[in-house]
């Protein structure tokens, strides 16, 4: 089909479990409570590096999550 572009953007459901576990582990080590870390780890709309940067700068984890929450 001319002009048709197939969307091949990966979803977090297709990301290996190890990646989700790695993200969650980093968030917990940064001070996020387990439940919040688990939710953020599987949500591709949250930038892991931005979350960690805010917390490293002194922002409380729950506030960092609210600041970076997808609209």
PDB file of N, CA and C in Angstrom:
ATOM      1  N   UNK A   1       0.843  -1.168   0.000  1.00  0.00           N
ATOM      2  CA  UNK A   1       0.000   0.000   0.000  1.00  0.00           C
ATOM      3  C   UNK A   1       0.889   1.231   0.000  1.00  0.00           C
ATOM      4  N   UNK A   2       0.790   2.063  -0.997  1.00  0.00           N
ATOM      5  CA  UNK A   2       1.616   3.260  -1.134  1.00  0.00           C
ATOM      6  C   UNK A   2       1.328   4.241  -0.013  1.00  0.00           C
ATOM      7  N   UNK A   3       2.382   4.786   0.567  1.00  0.00           N
ATOM      8  CA  UNK A   3       2.235   5.782   1.612  1.00  0.00           C
ATOM      9  C   UNK A   3       1.913   5.206   2.984  1.00  0.00           C
ATOM     10  N   UNK A   4       1.747   3.899   3.074  1.00  0.00           N
ATOM     11  CA  UNK A   4       1.427   3.282   4.357  1.00  0.00           C
ATOM     12  C   UNK A   4       2.720   3.053   5.138  1.00  0.00           C
ATOM     13  N   UNK A   5       2.727   3.535   6.382  1.00  0.00           N
ATOM     14  CA  UNK A   5       3.877   3.324   7.252  1.00  0.00           C
ATOM     15  C   UNK A   5       3.415   2.502   8.438  1.00  0.00           C
ATOM     16  N   UNK A   6       4.035   1.367   8.621  1.00  0.00           N
ATOM     17  CA  UNK A   6       3.664   0.503   9.734  1.00  0.00           C
ATOM     18  C   UNK A   6       4.344   0.989  10.998  1.00  0.00           C
ATOM     19  N   UNK A   7       3.583   1.104  12.066  1.00  0.00           N
ATOM     20  CA  UNK A   7       4.130   1.515  13.351  1.00  0.00           C
ATOM     21  C   UNK A   7       4.790   0.327  14.019  1.00  0.00           C
ATOM     22  N   UNK A   8       6.092   0.400  14.175  1.00  0.00           N
ATOM     23  CA  UNK A   8       6.832  -0.684  14.814  1.00  0.00           C
ATOM     24  C   UNK A   8       7.404  -0.243  16.156  1.00  0.00           C
ATOM     25  N   UNK A   9       6.806   0.784  16.753  1.00  0.00           N
ATOM     26  CA  UNK A   9       7.251   1.252  18.050  1.00  0.00           C
ATOM     27  C   UNK A   9       7.008   0.157  19.084  1.00  0.00           C
ATOM     28  N   UNK A  10       8.063  -0.260  19.782  1.00  0.00           N
ATOM     29  CA  UNK A  10       7.869  -1.316  20.770  1.00  0.00           C
ATOM     30  C   UNK A  10       7.049  -0.810  21.958  1.00  0.00           C
ATOM     31  N   UNK A  11       6.281  -1.695  22.540  1.00  0.00           N
ATOM     32  CA  UNK A  11       5.552  -1.355  23.750  1.00  0.00           C
ATOM     33  C   UNK A  11       6.268  -2.001  24.921  1.00  0.00           C
ATOM     34  N   UNK A  12       6.009  -1.507  26.131  1.00  0.00           N
ATOM     35  CA  UNK A  12       6.668  -2.083  27.300  1.00  0.00           C
ATOM     36  C   UNK A  12       6.256  -3.520  27.524  1.00  0.00           C
ATOM     37  N   UNK A  13       5.116  -3.908  27.003  1.00  0.00           N
ATOM     38  CA  UNK A  13       4.720  -5.307  27.158  1.00  0.00           C
ATOM     39  C   UNK A  13       5.677  -6.231  26.408  1.00  0.00           C
ATOM     40  N   UNK A  14       6.345  -5.708  25.368  1.00  0.00           N
ATOM     41  CA  UNK A  14       7.266  -6.534  24.601  1.00  0.00           C
ATOM     42  C   UNK A  14       8.704  -6.440  25.120  1.00  0.00           C
ATOM     43  N   UNK A  15       8.934  -5.580  26.089  1.00  0.00           N
ATOM     44  CA  UNK A  15      10.271  -5.431  26.659  1.00  0.00           C
ATOM     45  C   UNK A  15      10.527  -6.609  27.592  1.00  0.00           C
ATOM     46  N   UNK A  16      11.700  -7.148  27.524  1.00  0.00           N
ATOM     47  CA  UNK A  16      12.011  -8.293  28.388  1.00  0.00           C
ATOM     48  C   UNK A  16      11.812  -7.968  29.871  1.00  0.00           C
ATOM     49  N   UNK A  17      11.390  -8.957  30.590  1.00  0.00           N
ATOM     50  CA  UNK A  17      11.152  -8.809  32.031  1.00  0.00           C
ATOM     51  C   UNK A  17      12.385  -8.257  32.736  1.00  0.00           C
ATOM     52  N   UNK A  18      13.562  -8.653  32.284  1.00  0.00           N
ATOM     53  CA  UNK A  18      14.804  -8.211  32.920  1.00  0.00           C
ATOM     54  C   UNK A  18      14.951  -6.690  32.883  1.00  0.00           C
ATOM     55  N   UNK A  19      14.471  -6.068  31.821  1.00  0.00           N
ATOM     56  CA  UNK A  19      14.559  -4.612  31.703  1.00  0.00           C
ATOM     57  C   UNK A  19      13.635  -3.955  32.723  1.00  0.00           C
ATOM     58  N   UNK A  20      12.428  -4.500  32.846  1.00  0.00           N
ATOM     59  CA  UNK A  20      11.498  -3.952  33.834  1.00  0.00           C
ATOM     60  C   UNK A  20      12.051  -4.116  35.241  1.00  0.00           C
ATOM     61  N   UNK A  21      12.636  -5.258  35.538  1.00  0.00           N
ATOM     62  CA  UNK A  21      13.219  -5.511  36.857  1.00  0.00           C
ATOM     63  C   UNK A  21      14.385  -4.556  37.103  1.00  0.00           C
ATOM     64  N   UNK A  22      15.212  -4.344  36.094  1.00  0.00           N
ATOM     65  CA  UNK A  22      16.355  -3.432  36.208  1.00  0.00           C
ATOM     66  C   UNK A  22      15.875  -2.017  36.522  1.00  0.00           C
ATOM     67  N   UNK A  23      14.869  -1.542  35.787  1.00  0.00           N
ATOM     68  CA  UNK A  23      14.327  -0.201  36.027  1.00  0.00           C
ATOM     69  C   UNK A  23      13.775  -0.090  37.448  1.00  0.00           C
ATOM     70  N   UNK A  24      13.019  -1.088  37.870  1.00  0.00           N
ATOM     71  CA  UNK A  24      12.430  -1.065  39.208  1.00  0.00           C
ATOM     72  C   UNK A  24      13.508  -1.067  40.285  1.00  0.00           C
ATOM     73  N   UNK A  25      14.531  -1.872  40.092  1.00  0.00           N
ATOM     74  CA  UNK A  25      15.631  -1.946  41.051  1.00  0.00           C
ATOM     75  C   UNK A  25      16.327  -0.591  41.197  1.00  0.00           C
ATOM     76  N   UNK A  26      16.601   0.056  40.070  1.00  0.00           N
ATOM     77  CA  UNK A  26      17.247   1.372  40.132  1.00  0.00           C
ATOM     78  C   UNK A  26      16.378   2.391  40.859  1.00  0.00           C
ATOM     79  N   UNK A  27      15.091   2.355  40.593  1.00  0.00           N
ATOM     80  CA  UNK A  27      14.186   3.294  41.255  1.00  0.00           C
ATOM     81  C   UNK A  27      14.122   3.043  42.760  1.00  0.00           C
ATOM     82  N   UNK A  28      14.056   1.794  43.173  1.00  0.00           N
ATOM     83  CA  UNK A  28      14.036   1.466  44.596  1.00  0.00           C
ATOM     84  C   UNK A  28      15.332   1.911  45.260  1.00  0.00           C
ATOM     85  N   UNK A  29      16.458   1.673  44.602  1.00  0.00           N
ATOM     86  CA  UNK A  29      17.748   2.088  45.152  1.00  0.00           C
ATOM     87  C   UNK A  29      17.836   3.609  45.286  1.00  0.00           C
ATOM     88  N   UNK A  30      17.087   4.323  44.443  1.00  0.00           N
ATOM     89  CA  UNK A  30      17.093   5.782  44.485  1.00  0.00           C
ATOM     90  C   UNK A  30      16.133   6.325  45.543  1.00  0.00           C
ATOM     91  N   UNK A  31      15.339   5.441  46.164  1.00  0.00           N
ATOM     92  CA  UNK A  31      14.467   5.875  47.235  1.00  0.00           C
ATOM     93  C   UNK A  31      12.975   5.800  46.952  1.00  0.00           C
ATOM     94  N   UNK A  32      12.593   5.303  45.778  1.00  0.00           N
ATOM     95  CA  UNK A  32      11.182   5.138  45.460  1.00  0.00           C
ATOM     96  C   UNK A  32      10.631   3.945  46.237  1.00  0.00           C
ATOM     97  N   UNK A  33       9.416   4.070  46.777  1.00  0.00           N
ATOM     98  CA  UNK A  33       8.798   2.926  47.441  1.00  0.00           C
ATOM     99  C   UNK A  33       8.513   1.863  46.382  1.00  0.00           C
ATOM    100  N   UNK A  34       8.477   0.624  46.809  1.00  0.00           N
ATOM    101  CA  UNK A  34       8.363  -0.505  45.891  1.00  0.00           C
ATOM    102  C   UNK A  34       7.153  -0.408  44.964  1.00  0.00           C
ATOM    103  N   UNK A  35       5.993  -0.061  45.501  1.00  0.00           N
ATOM    104  CA  UNK A  35       4.785   0.011  44.675  1.00  0.00           C
ATOM    105  C   UNK A  35       4.918   1.055  43.572  1.00  0.00           C
ATOM    106  N   UNK A  36       5.407   2.248  43.912  1.00  0.00           N
ATOM    107  CA  UNK A  36       5.587   3.305  42.927  1.00  0.00           C
ATOM    108  C   UNK A  36       6.664   2.921  41.917  1.00  0.00           C
ATOM    109  N   UNK A  37       7.751   2.363  42.395  1.00  0.00           N
ATOM    110  CA  UNK A  37       8.831   1.930  41.499  1.00  0.00           C
ATOM    111  C   UNK A  37       8.328   0.911  40.491  1.00  0.00           C
ATOM    112  N   UNK A  38       7.508  -0.011  40.947  1.00  0.00           N
ATOM    113  CA  UNK A  38       6.952  -1.017  40.048  1.00  0.00           C
ATOM    114  C   UNK A  38       6.080  -0.415  38.967  1.00  0.00           C
ATOM    115  N   UNK A  39       5.255   0.562  39.343  1.00  0.00           N
ATOM    116  CA  UNK A  39       4.384   1.212  38.351  1.00  0.00           C
ATOM    117  C   UNK A  39       5.198   2.020  37.348  1.00  0.00           C
ATOM    118  N   UNK A  40       6.200   2.730  37.831  1.00  0.00           N
ATOM    119  CA  UNK A  40       7.009   3.557  36.939  1.00  0.00           C
ATOM    120  C   UNK A  40       7.883   2.714  36.021  1.00  0.00           C
ATOM    121  N   UNK A  41       8.356   1.584  36.520  1.00  0.00           N
ATOM    122  CA  UNK A  41       9.272   0.734  35.758  1.00  0.00           C
ATOM    123  C   UNK A  41       8.649   0.185  34.485  1.00  0.00           C
ATOM    124  N   UNK A  42       7.339  -0.013  34.496  1.00  0.00           N
ATOM    125  CA  UNK A  42       6.690  -0.591  33.321  1.00  0.00           C
ATOM    126  C   UNK A  42       6.049   0.452  32.415  1.00  0.00           C
ATOM    127  N   UNK A  43       6.132   1.719  32.798  1.00  0.00           N
ATOM    128  CA  UNK A  43       5.483   2.776  32.023  1.00  0.00           C
ATOM    129  C   UNK A  43       6.515   3.515  31.176  1.00  0.00           C
ATOM    130  N   UNK A  44       6.482   3.280  29.884  1.00  0.00           N
ATOM    131  CA  UNK A  44       7.461   3.871  28.966  1.00  0.00           C
ATOM    132  C   UNK A  44       7.348   5.383  28.873  1.00  0.00           C
ATOM    133  N   UNK A  45       6.253   5.949  29.366  1.00  0.00           N
ATOM    134  CA  UNK A  45       6.097   7.397  29.329  1.00  0.00           C
ATOM    135  C   UNK A  45       6.921   8.094  30.400  1.00  0.00           C
ATOM    136  N   UNK A  46       7.463   7.345  31.332  1.00  0.00           N
ATOM    137  CA  UNK A  46       8.335   7.915  32.357  1.00  0.00           C
ATOM    138  C   UNK A  46       9.783   7.730  31.935  1.00  0.00           C
ATOM    139  N   UNK A  47      10.523   8.819  31.922  1.00  0.00           N
ATOM    140  CA  UNK A  47      11.944   8.798  31.579  1.00  0.00           C
ATOM    141  C   UNK A  47      12.729   8.428  32.836  1.00  0.00           C
ATOM    142  N   UNK A  48      13.286   7.236  32.853  1.00  0.00           N
ATOM    143  CA  UNK A  48      14.019   6.749  34.011  1.00  0.00           C
ATOM    144  C   UNK A  48      15.148   7.698  34.407  1.00  0.00           C
ATOM    145  N   UNK A  49      15.895   8.169  33.441  1.00  0.00           N
ATOM    146  CA  UNK A  49      17.028   9.039  33.736  1.00  0.00           C
ATOM    147  C   UNK A  49      16.570  10.372  34.311  1.00  0.00           C
ATOM    148  N   UNK A  50      15.463  10.896  33.818  1.00  0.00           N
ATOM    149  CA  UNK A  50      14.931  12.150  34.357  1.00  0.00           C
ATOM    150  C   UNK A  50      14.449  11.961  35.796  1.00  0.00           C
ATOM    151  N   UNK A  51      13.791  10.832  36.068  1.00  0.00           N
ATOM    152  CA  UNK A  51      13.354  10.542  37.428  1.00  0.00           C
ATOM    153  C   UNK A  51      14.544  10.493  38.380  1.00  0.00           C
ATOM    154  N   UNK A  52      15.562   9.750  37.982  1.00  0.00           N
ATOM    155  CA  UNK A  52      16.746   9.605  38.829  1.00  0.00           C
ATOM    156  C   UNK A  52      17.479  10.931  39.001  1.00  0.00           C
ATOM    157  N   UNK A  53      17.517  11.737  37.961  1.00  0.00           N
ATOM    158  CA  UNK A  53      18.175  13.039  38.023  1.00  0.00           C
ATOM    159  C   UNK A  53      17.473  13.964  39.016  1.00  0.00           C
ATOM    160  N   UNK A  54      16.150  13.988  38.972  1.00  0.00           N
ATOM    161  CA  UNK A  54      15.409  14.817  39.918  1.00  0.00           C
ATOM    162  C   UNK A  54      15.679  14.381  41.354  1.00  0.00           C
ATOM    163  N   UNK A  55      15.637  13.072  41.598  1.00  0.00           N
ATOM    164  CA  UNK A  55      15.868  12.557  42.946  1.00  0.00           C
ATOM    165  C   UNK A  55      17.309  12.836  43.383  1.00  0.00           C
ATOM    166  N   UNK A  56      18.260  12.667  42.474  1.00  0.00           N
ATOM    167  CA  UNK A  56      19.659  12.968  42.795  1.00  0.00           C
ATOM    168  C   UNK A  56      19.838  14.437  43.167  1.00  0.00           C
ATOM    169  N   UNK A  57      18.979  15.283  42.609  1.00  0.00           N
ATOM    170  CA  UNK A  57      19.036  16.710  42.903  1.00  0.00           C
ATOM    171  C   UNK A  57      18.287  17.109  44.165  1.00  0.00           C
ATOM    172  N   UNK A  58      17.722  16.122  44.873  1.00  0.00           N
ATOM    173  CA  UNK A  58      17.065  16.396  46.137  1.00  0.00           C
ATOM    174  C   UNK A  58      15.544  16.371  46.101  1.00  0.00           C
ATOM    175  N   UNK A  59      14.976  16.095  44.968  1.00  0.00           N
ATOM    176  CA  UNK A  59      13.517  16.039  44.827  1.00  0.00           C
ATOM    177  C   UNK A  59      13.014  14.726  45.447  1.00  0.00           C
ATOM    178  N   UNK A  60      11.973  14.794  46.273  1.00  0.00           N
ATOM    179  CA  UNK A  60      11.410  13.540  46.799  1.00  0.00           C
ATOM    180  C   UNK A  60      10.880  12.664  45.661  1.00  0.00           C
ATOM    181  N   UNK A  61      11.054  11.352  45.759  1.00  0.00           N
ATOM    182  CA  UNK A  61      10.636  10.450  44.679  1.00  0.00           C
ATOM    183  C   UNK A  61       9.185  10.612  44.241  1.00  0.00           C
ATOM    184  N   UNK A  62       8.262  10.740  45.189  1.00  0.00           N
ATOM    185  CA  UNK A  62       6.858  10.859  44.795  1.00  0.00           C
ATOM    186  C   UNK A  62       6.594  12.155  44.038  1.00  0.00           C
ATOM    187  N   UNK A  63       7.292  13.216  44.405  1.00  0.00           N
ATOM    188  CA  UNK A  63       7.157  14.481  43.683  1.00  0.00           C
ATOM    189  C   UNK A  63       7.777  14.379  42.298  1.00  0.00           C
ATOM    190  N   UNK A  64       8.918  13.704  42.184  1.00  0.00           N
ATOM    191  CA  UNK A  64       9.550  13.510  40.878  1.00  0.00           C
ATOM    192  C   UNK A  64       8.606  12.782  39.928  1.00  0.00           C
ATOM    193  N   UNK A  65       7.909  11.776  40.451  1.00  0.00           N
ATOM    194  CA  UNK A  65       6.957  11.025  39.631  1.00  0.00           C
ATOM    195  C   UNK A  65       5.805  11.919  39.189  1.00  0.00           C
ATOM    196  N   UNK A  66       5.334  12.787  40.081  1.00  0.00           N
ATOM    197  CA  UNK A  66       4.240  13.689  39.705  1.00  0.00           C
ATOM    198  C   UNK A  66       4.710  14.720  38.692  1.00  0.00           C
ATOM    199  N   UNK A  67       5.910  15.242  38.857  1.00  0.00           N
ATOM    200  CA  UNK A  67       6.452  16.235  37.921  1.00  0.00           C
ATOM    201  C   UNK A  67       6.550  15.667  36.511  1.00  0.00           C
ATOM    202  N   UNK A  68       6.997  14.419  36.410  1.00  0.00           N
ATOM    203  CA  UNK A  68       7.229  13.802  35.109  1.00  0.00           C
ATOM    204  C   UNK A  68       6.050  12.965  34.609  1.00  0.00           C
ATOM    205  N   UNK A  69       4.930  13.031  35.314  1.00  0.00           N
ATOM    206  CA  UNK A  69       3.757  12.249  34.907  1.00  0.00           C
ATOM    207  C   UNK A  69       3.319  12.640  33.499  1.00  0.00           C
ATOM    208  N   UNK A  70       3.019  11.633  32.689  1.00  0.00           N
ATOM    209  CA  UNK A  70       2.527  11.919  31.330  1.00  0.00           C
ATOM    210  C   UNK A  70       1.197  12.643  31.411  1.00  0.00           C
ATOM    211  N   UNK A  71       0.979  13.500  30.462  1.00  0.00           N
ATOM    212  CA  UNK A  71      -0.283  14.271  30.449  1.00  0.00           C
ATOM    213  C   UNK A  71      -1.393  13.462  29.887  1.00  0.00           C
TER     214      UNK A  71
END
